[in-house]
Full PDB file with SEQRES, HELIX, SHEET, SSBOND, CRYST1, ORIGX, SCALE, CONECT and MASTER records, all heavy atoms in Angstrom:
SEQRES   1 A   35  TRP PRO ARG PRO GLU PHE GLY ASP TYR MET ALA GLU CYS          
SEQRES   2 A   35  VAL GLU ARG ARG ALA ASP GLY LEU HIS LEU ARG THR SER          
SEQRES   3 A   35  ALA ALA ASP ALA ALA GLU ILE ALA GLY                          
HELIX    1 AA1 PRO A    4  MET A   10  1                                   7    
HELIX    2 AA2 ALA A   27  ALA A   34  1                                   8    
SHEET    1 AA1 2 VAL A  14  ARG A  17  0                                        
SHEET    2 AA1 2 GLY A  20  LEU A  23 -1                                        
CRYST1    1.000    1.000    1.000  90.00  90.00  90.00 P 1           1          
ORIGX1      1.000000  0.000000  0.000000        0.00000                         
ORIGX2      0.000000  1.000000  0.000000        0.00000                         
ORIGX3      0.000000  0.000000  1.000000        0.00000                         
SCALE1      1.000000  0.000000  0.000000        0.00000                         
SCALE2      0.000000  1.000000  0.000000        0.00000                         
SCALE3      0.000000  0.000000  1.000000        0.00000                         
ATOM      1  N   TRP A   1     -47.615 -40.161 139.530  1.00  0.00           N  
ATOM      2  CA  TRP A   1     -47.851 -40.235 140.982  1.00  0.00           C  
ATOM      3  C   TRP A   1     -46.522 -40.304 141.698  1.00  0.00           C  
ATOM      4  O   TRP A   1     -45.644 -41.080 141.292  1.00  0.00           O  
ATOM      5  CB  TRP A   1     -48.689 -41.465 141.342  1.00  0.00           C  
ATOM      6  CG  TRP A   1     -49.097 -41.452 142.794  1.00  0.00           C  
ATOM      7  CD1 TRP A   1     -50.223 -40.899 143.330  1.00  0.00           C  
ATOM      8  CD2 TRP A   1     -48.352 -41.977 143.897  1.00  0.00           C  
ATOM      9  NE1 TRP A   1     -50.238 -41.051 144.688  1.00  0.00           N  
ATOM     10  CE2 TRP A   1     -49.086 -41.703 145.074  1.00  0.00           C  
ATOM     11  CE3 TRP A   1     -47.133 -42.633 144.026  1.00  0.00           C  
ATOM     12  CZ2 TRP A   1     -48.644 -42.080 146.351  1.00  0.00           C  
ATOM     13  CZ3 TRP A   1     -46.680 -43.000 145.283  1.00  0.00           C  
ATOM     14  CH2 TRP A   1     -47.445 -42.728 146.423  1.00  0.00           C  
ATOM     15  N   PRO A   2     -46.291 -39.511 142.730  1.00  0.00           N  
ATOM     16  CA  PRO A   2     -47.214 -38.550 143.345  1.00  0.00           C  
ATOM     17  C   PRO A   2     -47.098 -37.143 142.771  1.00  0.00           C  
ATOM     18  O   PRO A   2     -47.691 -36.210 143.309  1.00  0.00           O  
ATOM     19  CB  PRO A   2     -46.768 -38.566 144.803  1.00  0.00           C  
ATOM     20  CG  PRO A   2     -45.278 -38.753 144.717  1.00  0.00           C  
ATOM     21  CD  PRO A   2     -45.051 -39.667 143.534  1.00  0.00           C  
ATOM     22  N   ARG A   3     -46.338 -36.970 141.685  1.00  0.00           N  
ATOM     23  CA  ARG A   3     -46.103 -35.643 141.108  1.00  0.00           C  
ATOM     24  C   ARG A   3     -46.727 -35.592 139.715  1.00  0.00           C  
ATOM     25  O   ARG A   3     -46.135 -36.044 138.749  1.00  0.00           O  
ATOM     26  CB  ARG A   3     -44.604 -35.365 141.026  1.00  0.00           C  
ATOM     27  CG  ARG A   3     -43.926 -35.207 142.378  1.00  0.00           C  
ATOM     28  CD  ARG A   3     -44.181 -33.829 142.922  1.00  0.00           C  
ATOM     29  NE  ARG A   3     -43.572 -33.597 144.228  1.00  0.00           N  
ATOM     30  CZ  ARG A   3     -43.684 -32.454 144.889  1.00  0.00           C  
ATOM     31  NH1 ARG A   3     -44.378 -31.468 144.359  1.00  0.00           N  
ATOM     32  NH2 ARG A   3     -43.121 -32.314 146.066  1.00  0.00           N  
ATOM     33  N   PRO A   4     -47.935 -35.010 139.570  1.00  0.00           N  
ATOM     34  CA  PRO A   4     -48.608 -34.987 138.264  1.00  0.00           C  
ATOM     35  C   PRO A   4     -47.777 -34.336 137.169  1.00  0.00           C  
ATOM     36  O   PRO A   4     -47.882 -34.723 136.000  1.00  0.00           O  
ATOM     37  CB  PRO A   4     -49.891 -34.191 138.540  1.00  0.00           C  
ATOM     38  CG  PRO A   4     -50.136 -34.358 140.005  1.00  0.00           C  
ATOM     39  CD  PRO A   4     -48.772 -34.427 140.639  1.00  0.00           C  
ATOM     40  N   GLU A   5     -46.946 -33.347 137.535  1.00  0.00           N  
ATOM     41  CA  GLU A   5     -46.157 -32.677 136.493  1.00  0.00           C  
ATOM     42  C   GLU A   5     -45.189 -33.627 135.797  1.00  0.00           C  
ATOM     43  O   GLU A   5     -44.830 -33.434 134.629  1.00  0.00           O  
ATOM     44  CB  GLU A   5     -45.395 -31.475 137.065  1.00  0.00           C  
ATOM     45  CG  GLU A   5     -44.259 -31.792 138.023  1.00  0.00           C  
ATOM     46  CD  GLU A   5     -44.702 -31.895 139.482  1.00  0.00           C  
ATOM     47  OE1 GLU A   5     -45.926 -31.897 139.733  1.00  0.00           O  
ATOM     48  OE2 GLU A   5     -43.820 -31.946 140.357  1.00  0.00           O  
ATOM     49  N   PHE A   6     -44.778 -34.688 136.503  1.00  0.00           N  
ATOM     50  CA  PHE A   6     -43.870 -35.642 135.881  1.00  0.00           C  
ATOM     51  C   PHE A   6     -44.604 -36.480 134.834  1.00  0.00           C  
ATOM     52  O   PHE A   6     -44.060 -36.804 133.781  1.00  0.00           O  
ATOM     53  CB  PHE A   6     -43.216 -36.534 136.935  1.00  0.00           C  
ATOM     54  CG  PHE A   6     -42.071 -37.361 136.401  1.00  0.00           C  
ATOM     55  CD1 PHE A   6     -40.990 -36.756 135.793  1.00  0.00           C  
ATOM     56  CD2 PHE A   6     -42.088 -38.738 136.485  1.00  0.00           C  
ATOM     57  CE1 PHE A   6     -39.936 -37.508 135.283  1.00  0.00           C  
ATOM     58  CE2 PHE A   6     -41.046 -39.506 135.986  1.00  0.00           C  
ATOM     59  CZ  PHE A   6     -39.968 -38.891 135.377  1.00  0.00           C  
ATOM     60  N   GLY A   7     -45.857 -36.812 135.109  1.00  0.00           N  
ATOM     61  CA  GLY A   7     -46.656 -37.522 134.115  1.00  0.00           C  
ATOM     62  C   GLY A   7     -46.877 -36.687 132.867  1.00  0.00           C  
ATOM     63  O   GLY A   7     -46.762 -37.189 131.741  1.00  0.00           O  
ATOM     64  N   ASP A   8     -47.170 -35.393 133.061  1.00  0.00           N  
ATOM     65  CA  ASP A   8     -47.345 -34.511 131.913  1.00  0.00           C  
ATOM     66  C   ASP A   8     -46.052 -34.398 131.109  1.00  0.00           C  
ATOM     67  O   ASP A   8     -46.073 -34.384 129.874  1.00  0.00           O  
ATOM     68  CB  ASP A   8     -47.783 -33.120 132.382  1.00  0.00           C  
ATOM     69  CG  ASP A   8     -49.183 -33.111 132.979  1.00  0.00           C  
ATOM     70  OD1 ASP A   8     -49.978 -34.016 132.656  1.00  0.00           O  
ATOM     71  OD2 ASP A   8     -49.470 -32.198 133.774  1.00  0.00           O  
ATOM     72  N   TYR A   9     -44.933 -34.301 131.809  1.00  0.00           N  
ATOM     73  CA  TYR A   9     -43.621 -34.192 131.169  1.00  0.00           C  
ATOM     74  C   TYR A   9     -43.330 -35.424 130.320  1.00  0.00           C  
ATOM     75  O   TYR A   9     -42.946 -35.313 129.148  1.00  0.00           O  
ATOM     76  CB  TYR A   9     -42.574 -34.019 132.265  1.00  0.00           C  
ATOM     77  CG  TYR A   9     -41.127 -33.935 131.823  1.00  0.00           C  
ATOM     78  CD1 TYR A   9     -40.530 -32.706 131.579  1.00  0.00           C  
ATOM     79  CD2 TYR A   9     -40.344 -35.083 131.702  1.00  0.00           C  
ATOM     80  CE1 TYR A   9     -39.191 -32.623 131.210  1.00  0.00           C  
ATOM     81  CE2 TYR A   9     -39.009 -35.001 131.333  1.00  0.00           C  
ATOM     82  CZ  TYR A   9     -38.437 -33.774 131.087  1.00  0.00           C  
ATOM     83  OH  TYR A   9     -37.122 -33.702 130.713  1.00  0.00           O  
ATOM     84  N   MET A  10     -43.534 -36.603 130.886  1.00  0.00           N  
ATOM     85  CA  MET A  10     -43.231 -37.823 130.148  1.00  0.00           C  
ATOM     86  C   MET A  10     -44.180 -38.040 128.976  1.00  0.00           C  
ATOM     87  O   MET A  10     -43.818 -38.679 127.979  1.00  0.00           O  
ATOM     88  CB  MET A  10     -43.245 -39.031 131.083  1.00  0.00           C  
ATOM     89  CG  MET A  10     -42.126 -39.029 132.120  1.00  0.00           C  
ATOM     90  SD  MET A  10     -40.466 -38.833 131.410  1.00  0.00           S  
ATOM     91  CE  MET A  10     -40.366 -40.289 130.352  1.00  0.00           C  
ATOM     92  N   ALA A  11     -45.395 -37.492 129.057  1.00  0.00           N  
ATOM     93  CA  ALA A  11     -46.327 -37.592 127.934  1.00  0.00           C  
ATOM     94  C   ALA A  11     -45.826 -36.815 126.722  1.00  0.00           C  
ATOM     95  O   ALA A  11     -46.301 -37.044 125.595  1.00  0.00           O  
ATOM     96  CB  ALA A  11     -47.707 -37.092 128.344  1.00  0.00           C  
ATOM     97  N   GLU A  12     -44.863 -35.924 126.918  1.00  0.00           N  
ATOM     98  CA  GLU A  12     -44.255 -35.184 125.807  1.00  0.00           C  
ATOM     99  C   GLU A  12     -43.058 -35.923 125.222  1.00  0.00           C  
ATOM    100  O   GLU A  12     -42.453 -35.451 124.252  1.00  0.00           O  
ATOM    101  CB  GLU A  12     -43.826 -33.798 126.289  1.00  0.00           C  
ATOM    102  CG  GLU A  12     -44.974 -32.934 126.773  1.00  0.00           C  
ATOM    103  CD  GLU A  12     -44.508 -31.652 127.438  1.00  0.00           C  
ATOM    104  OE1 GLU A  12     -43.358 -31.235 127.184  1.00  0.00           O  
ATOM    105  OE2 GLU A  12     -45.284 -31.081 128.221  1.00  0.00           O  
ATOM    106  N   CYS A  13     -42.708 -37.073 125.801  1.00  0.00           N  
ATOM    107  CA  CYS A  13     -41.493 -37.798 125.405  1.00  0.00           C  
ATOM    108  C   CYS A  13     -41.813 -39.185 124.864  1.00  0.00           C  
ATOM    109  O   CYS A  13     -41.069 -40.138 125.081  1.00  0.00           O  
ATOM    110  CB  CYS A  13     -40.543 -37.906 126.601  1.00  0.00           C  
ATOM    111  SG  CYS A  13     -40.051 -36.314 127.281  1.00  0.00           S  
ATOM    112  N   VAL A  14     -42.955 -39.298 124.179  1.00  0.00           N  
ATOM    113  CA  VAL A  14     -43.357 -40.574 123.587  1.00  0.00           C  
ATOM    114  C   VAL A  14     -43.586 -40.398 122.091  1.00  0.00           C  
ATOM    115  O   VAL A  14     -43.749 -39.280 121.596  1.00  0.00           O  
ATOM    116  CB  VAL A  14     -44.635 -41.138 124.244  1.00  0.00           C  
ATOM    117  CG1 VAL A  14     -44.387 -41.489 125.708  1.00  0.00           C  
ATOM    118  CG2 VAL A  14     -45.798 -40.154 124.111  1.00  0.00           C  
ATOM    119  N   GLU A  15     -43.595 -41.513 121.382  1.00  0.00           N  
ATOM    120  CA  GLU A  15     -43.903 -41.505 119.963  1.00  0.00           C  
ATOM    121  C   GLU A  15     -44.891 -42.634 119.669  1.00  0.00           C  
ATOM    122  O   GLU A  15     -44.899 -43.660 120.357  1.00  0.00           O  
ATOM    123  CB  GLU A  15     -42.637 -41.697 119.120  1.00  0.00           C  
ATOM    124  CG  GLU A  15     -41.930 -43.013 119.345  1.00  0.00           C  
ATOM    125  CD  GLU A  15     -40.631 -43.101 118.565  1.00  0.00           C  
ATOM    126  OE1 GLU A  15     -40.216 -42.088 117.966  1.00  0.00           O  
ATOM    127  OE2 GLU A  15     -40.022 -44.194 118.562  1.00  0.00           O  
ATOM    128  N   ARG A  16     -45.700 -42.423 118.636  1.00  0.00           N  
ATOM    129  CA  ARG A  16     -46.697 -43.435 118.281  1.00  0.00           C  
ATOM    130  C   ARG A  16     -46.101 -44.422 117.293  1.00  0.00           C  
ATOM    131  O   ARG A  16     -45.517 -44.037 116.279  1.00  0.00           O  
ATOM    132  CB  ARG A  16     -47.960 -42.793 117.690  1.00  0.00           C  
ATOM    133  CG  ARG A  16     -49.068 -43.813 117.421  1.00  0.00           C  
ATOM    134  CD  ARG A  16     -50.380 -43.137 117.151  1.00  0.00           C  
ATOM    135  NE  ARG A  16     -50.891 -42.394 118.294  1.00  0.00           N  
ATOM    136  CZ  ARG A  16     -51.489 -42.940 119.341  1.00  0.00           C  
ATOM    137  NH1 ARG A  16     -51.649 -44.264 119.403  1.00  0.00           N  
ATOM    138  NH2 ARG A  16     -51.931 -42.185 120.323  1.00  0.00           N  
ATOM    139  N   ARG A  17     -46.236 -45.704 117.609  1.00  0.00           N  
ATOM    140  CA  ARG A  17     -45.850 -46.784 116.702  1.00  0.00           C  
ATOM    141  C   ARG A  17     -47.088 -47.624 116.416  1.00  0.00           C  
ATOM    142  O   ARG A  17     -48.175 -47.331 116.933  1.00  0.00           O  
ATOM    143  CB  ARG A  17     -44.735 -47.624 117.324  1.00  0.00           C  
ATOM    144  CG  ARG A  17     -43.476 -46.831 117.664  1.00  0.00           C  
ATOM    145  CD  ARG A  17     -42.419 -47.691 118.320  1.00  0.00           C  
ATOM    146  NE  ARG A  17     -41.326 -46.883 118.856  1.00  0.00           N  
ATOM    147  CZ  ARG A  17     -40.374 -47.365 119.653  1.00  0.00           C  
ATOM    148  NH1 ARG A  17     -40.382 -48.664 120.001  1.00  0.00           N  
ATOM    149  NH2 ARG A  17     -39.427 -46.565 120.102  1.00  0.00           N  
ATOM    150  N   ALA A  18     -46.916 -48.655 115.623  1.00  0.00           N  
ATOM    151  CA  ALA A  18     -48.075 -49.441 115.186  1.00  0.00           C  
ATOM    152  C   ALA A  18     -48.856 -50.027 116.357  1.00  0.00           C  
ATOM    153  O   ALA A  18     -50.082 -50.144 116.293  1.00  0.00           O  
ATOM    154  CB  ALA A  18     -47.612 -50.557 114.247  1.00  0.00           C  
ATOM    155  N   ASP A  19     -48.156 -50.395 117.443  1.00  0.00           N  
ATOM    156  CA  ASP A  19     -48.835 -51.043 118.564  1.00  0.00           C  
ATOM    157  C   ASP A  19     -49.164 -50.101 119.711  1.00  0.00           C  
ATOM    158  O   ASP A  19     -49.640 -50.537 120.760  1.00  0.00           O  
ATOM    159  CB  ASP A  19     -47.988 -52.210 119.084  1.00  0.00           C  
ATOM    160  CG  ASP A  19     -46.611 -51.762 119.581  1.00  0.00           C  
ATOM    161  OD1 ASP A  19     -46.216 -50.607 119.287  1.00  0.00           O  
ATOM    162  OD2 ASP A  19     -45.932 -52.562 120.267  1.00  0.00           O  
ATOM    163  N   GLY A  20     -48.918 -48.797 119.560  1.00  0.00           N  
ATOM    164  CA  GLY A  20     -49.233 -47.860 120.628  1.00  0.00           C  
ATOM    165  C   GLY A  20     -48.102 -46.872 120.851  1.00  0.00           C  
ATOM    166  O   GLY A  20     -47.227 -46.690 120.009  1.00  0.00           O  
ATOM    167  N   LEU A  21     -48.104 -46.228 122.021  1.00  0.00           N  
ATOM    168  CA  LEU A  21     -47.129 -45.198 122.349  1.00  0.00           C  
ATOM    169  C   LEU A  21     -45.925 -45.801 123.069  1.00  0.00           C  
ATOM    170  O   LEU A  21     -46.075 -46.613 123.980  1.00  0.00           O  
ATOM    171  CB  LEU A  21     -47.770 -44.133 123.242  1.00  0.00           C  
ATOM    172  CG  LEU A  21     -48.916 -43.330 122.611  1.00  0.00           C  
ATOM    173  CD1 LEU A  21     -49.625 -42.503 123.672  1.00  0.00           C  
ATOM    174  CD2 LEU A  21     -48.403 -42.436 121.490  1.00  0.00           C  
ATOM    175  N   HIS A  22     -44.740 -45.373 122.651  1.00  0.00           N  
ATOM    176  CA  HIS A  22     -43.491 -45.819 123.266  1.00  0.00           C  
ATOM    177  C   HIS A  22     -42.663 -44.614 123.675  1.00  0.00           C  
ATOM    178  O   HIS A  22     -42.675 -43.571 123.010  1.00  0.00           O  
ATOM    179  CB  HIS A  22     -42.662 -46.657 122.275  1.00  0.00           C  
ATOM    180  CG  HIS A  22     -43.235 -47.987 121.975  1.00  0.00           C  
ATOM    181  ND1 HIS A  22     -42.738 -49.156 122.516  1.00  0.00           N  
ATOM    182  CD2 HIS A  22     -44.287 -48.356 121.183  1.00  0.00           C  
ATOM    183  CE1 HIS A  22     -43.444 -50.184 122.066  1.00  0.00           C  
ATOM    184  NE2 HIS A  22     -44.384 -49.724 121.256  1.00  0.00           N  
ATOM    185  N   LEU A  23     -41.916 -44.757 124.766  1.00  0.00           N  
ATOM    186  CA  LEU A  23     -40.954 -43.731 125.139  1.00  0.00           C  
ATOM    187  C   LEU A  23     -39.907 -43.605 124.046  1.00  0.00           C  
ATOM    188  O   LEU A  23     -39.545 -44.592 123.389  1.00  0.00           O  
ATOM    189  CB  LEU A  23     -40.289 -44.088 126.469  1.00  0.00           C  
ATOM    190  CG  LEU A  23     -41.219 -44.142 127.683  1.00  0.00           C  
ATOM    191  CD1 LEU A  23     -40.473 -44.690 128.896  1.00  0.00           C  
ATOM    192  CD2 LEU A  23     -41.785 -42.763 127.997  1.00  0.00           C  
ATOM    193  N   ARG A  24     -39.394 -42.403 123.869  1.00  0.00           N  
ATOM    194  CA  ARG A  24     -38.428 -42.151 122.797  1.00  0.00           C  
ATOM    195  C   ARG A  24     -36.992 -42.418 123.248  1.00  0.00           C  
ATOM    196  O   ARG A  24     -36.050 -42.120 122.516  1.00  0.00           O  
ATOM    197  CB  ARG A  24     -38.597 -40.717 122.298  1.00  0.00           C  
ATOM    198  CG  ARG A  24     -39.982 -40.487 121.703  1.00  0.00           C  
ATOM    199  CD  ARG A  24     -40.230 -39.038 121.431  1.00  0.00           C  
ATOM    200  NE  ARG A  24     -39.470 -38.573 120.276  1.00  0.00           N  
ATOM    201  CZ  ARG A  24     -39.295 -37.285 119.986  1.00  0.00           C  
ATOM    202  NH1 ARG A  24     -39.791 -36.355 120.796  1.00  0.00           N  
ATOM    203  NH2 ARG A  24     -38.617 -36.931 118.914  1.00  0.00           N  
ATOM    204  N   THR A  25     -36.834 -42.966 124.428  1.00  0.00           N  
ATOM    205  CA  THR A  25     -35.527 -43.406 124.921  1.00  0.00           C  
ATOM    206  C   THR A  25     -35.626 -44.884 125.266  1.00  0.00           C  
ATOM    207  O   THR A  25     -36.574 -45.302 125.945  1.00  0.00           O  
ATOM    208  CB  THR A  25     -35.110 -42.637 126.180  1.00  0.00           C  
ATOM    209  OG1 THR A  25     -35.139 -41.240 125.915  1.00  0.00           O  
ATOM    210  CG2 THR A  25     -33.713 -43.025 126.640  1.00  0.00           C  
ATOM    211  N   SER A  26     -34.666 -45.677 124.824  1.00  0.00           N  
ATOM    212  CA  SER A  26     -34.637 -47.086 125.181  1.00  0.00           C  
ATOM    213  C   SER A  26     -34.420 -47.243 126.674  1.00  0.00           C  
ATOM    214  O   SER A  26     -33.533 -46.611 127.263  1.00  0.00           O  
ATOM    215  CB  SER A  26     -33.499 -47.772 124.415  1.00  0.00           C  
ATOM    216  OG  SER A  26     -33.080 -48.947 125.055  1.00  0.00           O  
ATOM    217  N   ALA A  27     -35.231 -48.095 127.302  1.00  0.00           N  
ATOM    218  CA  ALA A  27     -35.064 -48.354 128.733  1.00  0.00           C  
ATOM    219  C   ALA A  27     -33.685 -48.930 129.030  1.00  0.00           C  
ATOM    220  O   ALA A  27     -33.071 -48.607 130.049  1.00  0.00           O  
ATOM    221  CB  ALA A  27     -36.158 -49.308 129.220  1.00  0.00           C  
ATOM    222  N   ALA A  28     -33.178 -49.764 128.130  1.00  0.00           N  
ATOM    223  CA  ALA A  28     -31.847 -50.347 128.337  1.00  0.00           C  
ATOM    224  C   ALA A  28     -30.765 -49.276 128.284  1.00  0.00           C  
ATOM    225  O   ALA A  28     -29.823 -49.282 129.089  1.00  0.00           O  
ATOM    226  CB  ALA A  28     -31.580 -51.419 127.285  1.00  0.00           C  
ATOM    227  N   ASP A  29     -30.887 -48.334 127.345  1.00  0.00           N  
ATOM    228  CA  ASP A  29     -29.907 -47.257 127.253  1.00  0.00           C  
ATOM    229  C   ASP A  29     -29.971 -46.362 128.489  1.00  0.00           C  
ATOM    230  O   ASP A  29     -28.934 -45.950 129.029  1.00  0.00           O  
ATOM    231  CB  ASP A  29     -30.147 -46.418 125.998  1.00  0.00           C  
ATOM    232  CG  ASP A  29     -29.917 -47.200 124.716  1.00  0.00           C  
ATOM    233  OD1 ASP A  29     -29.270 -48.261 124.770  1.00  0.00           O  
ATOM    234  OD2 ASP A  29     -30.395 -46.749 123.656  1.00  0.00           O  
ATOM    235  N   ALA A  30     -31.185 -46.039 128.938  1.00  0.00           N  
ATOM    236  CA  ALA A  30     -31.339 -45.211 130.138  1.00  0.00           C  
ATOM    237  C   ALA A  30     -30.713 -45.884 131.347  1.00  0.00           C  
ATOM    238  O   ALA A  30     -30.071 -45.229 132.186  1.00  0.00           O  
ATOM    239  CB  ALA A  30     -32.819 -44.921 130.389  1.00  0.00           C  
ATOM    240  N   ALA A  31     -30.878 -47.194 131.454  1.00  0.00           N  
ATOM    241  CA  ALA A  31     -30.278 -47.924 132.574  1.00  0.00           C  
ATOM    242  C   ALA A  31     -28.750 -47.877 132.510  1.00  0.00           C  
ATOM    243  O   ALA A  31     -28.084 -47.778 133.543  1.00  0.00           O  
ATOM    244  CB  ALA A  31     -30.769 -49.365 132.574  1.00  0.00           C  
ATOM    245  N   GLU A  32     -28.185 -47.942 131.309  1.00  0.00           N  
ATOM    246  CA  GLU A  32     -26.733 -47.836 131.157  1.00  0.00           C  
ATOM    247  C   GLU A  32     -26.236 -46.467 131.596  1.00  0.00           C  
ATOM    248  O   GLU A  32     -25.201 -46.339 132.260  1.00  0.00           O  
ATOM    249  CB  GLU A  32     -26.328 -48.104 129.706  1.00  0.00           C  
ATOM    250  CG  GLU A  32     -26.433 -49.549 129.291  1.00  0.00           C  
ATOM    251  CD  GLU A  32     -25.468 -50.445 130.048  1.00  0.00           C  
ATOM    252  OE1 GLU A  32     -24.331 -50.016 130.314  1.00  0.00           O  
ATOM    253  OE2 GLU A  32     -25.863 -51.572 130.389  1.00  0.00           O  
ATOM    254  N   ILE A  33     -26.960 -45.423 131.217  1.00  0.00           N  
ATOM    255  CA  ILE A  33     -26.578 -44.070 131.602  1.00  0.00           C  
ATOM    256  C   ILE A  33     -26.595 -43.932 133.120  1.00  0.00           C  
ATOM    257  O   ILE A  33     -25.638 -43.451 133.733  1.00  0.00           O  
ATOM    258  CB  ILE A  33     -27.521 -43.052 130.940  1.00  0.00           C  
ATOM    259  CG1 ILE A  33     -27.300 -43.033 129.429  1.00  0.00           C  
ATOM    260  CG2 ILE A  33     -27.301 -41.658 131.522  1.00  0.00           C  
ATOM    261  CD1 ILE A  33     -28.364 -42.276 128.653  1.00  0.00           C  
ATOM    262  N   ALA A  34     -27.692 -44.352 133.745  1.00  0.00           N  
ATOM    263  CA  ALA A  34     -27.802 -44.250 135.197  1.00  0.00           C  
ATOM    264  C   ALA A  34     -26.807 -45.165 135.900  1.00  0.00           C  
ATOM    265  O   ALA A  34     -26.351 -44.872 137.006  1.00  0.00           O  
ATOM    266  CB  ALA A  34     -29.230 -44.590 135.636  1.00  0.00           C  
ATOM    267  N   GLY A  35     -26.457 -46.276 135.258  1.00  0.00           N  
ATOM    268  CA  GLY A  35     -25.498 -47.200 135.857  1.00  0.00           C  
ATOM    269  C   GLY A  35     -24.142 -46.565 136.071  1.00  0.00           C  
ATOM    270  O   GLY A  35     -23.465 -46.842 137.073  1.00  0.00           O  
TER     271      GLY A  35                                                      
MASTER        0    0    0    2    2    0    0    6  270    1    0    3          
END                                                                             
């Protein structure tokens, strides 16, 4: 929301682990890059 294509895009960037789906990039690492 508000761009459905972004949701579809991010659904291609996850992996399944024992407890469910996780993004394949660490949020902490992404924050460092953007920082």
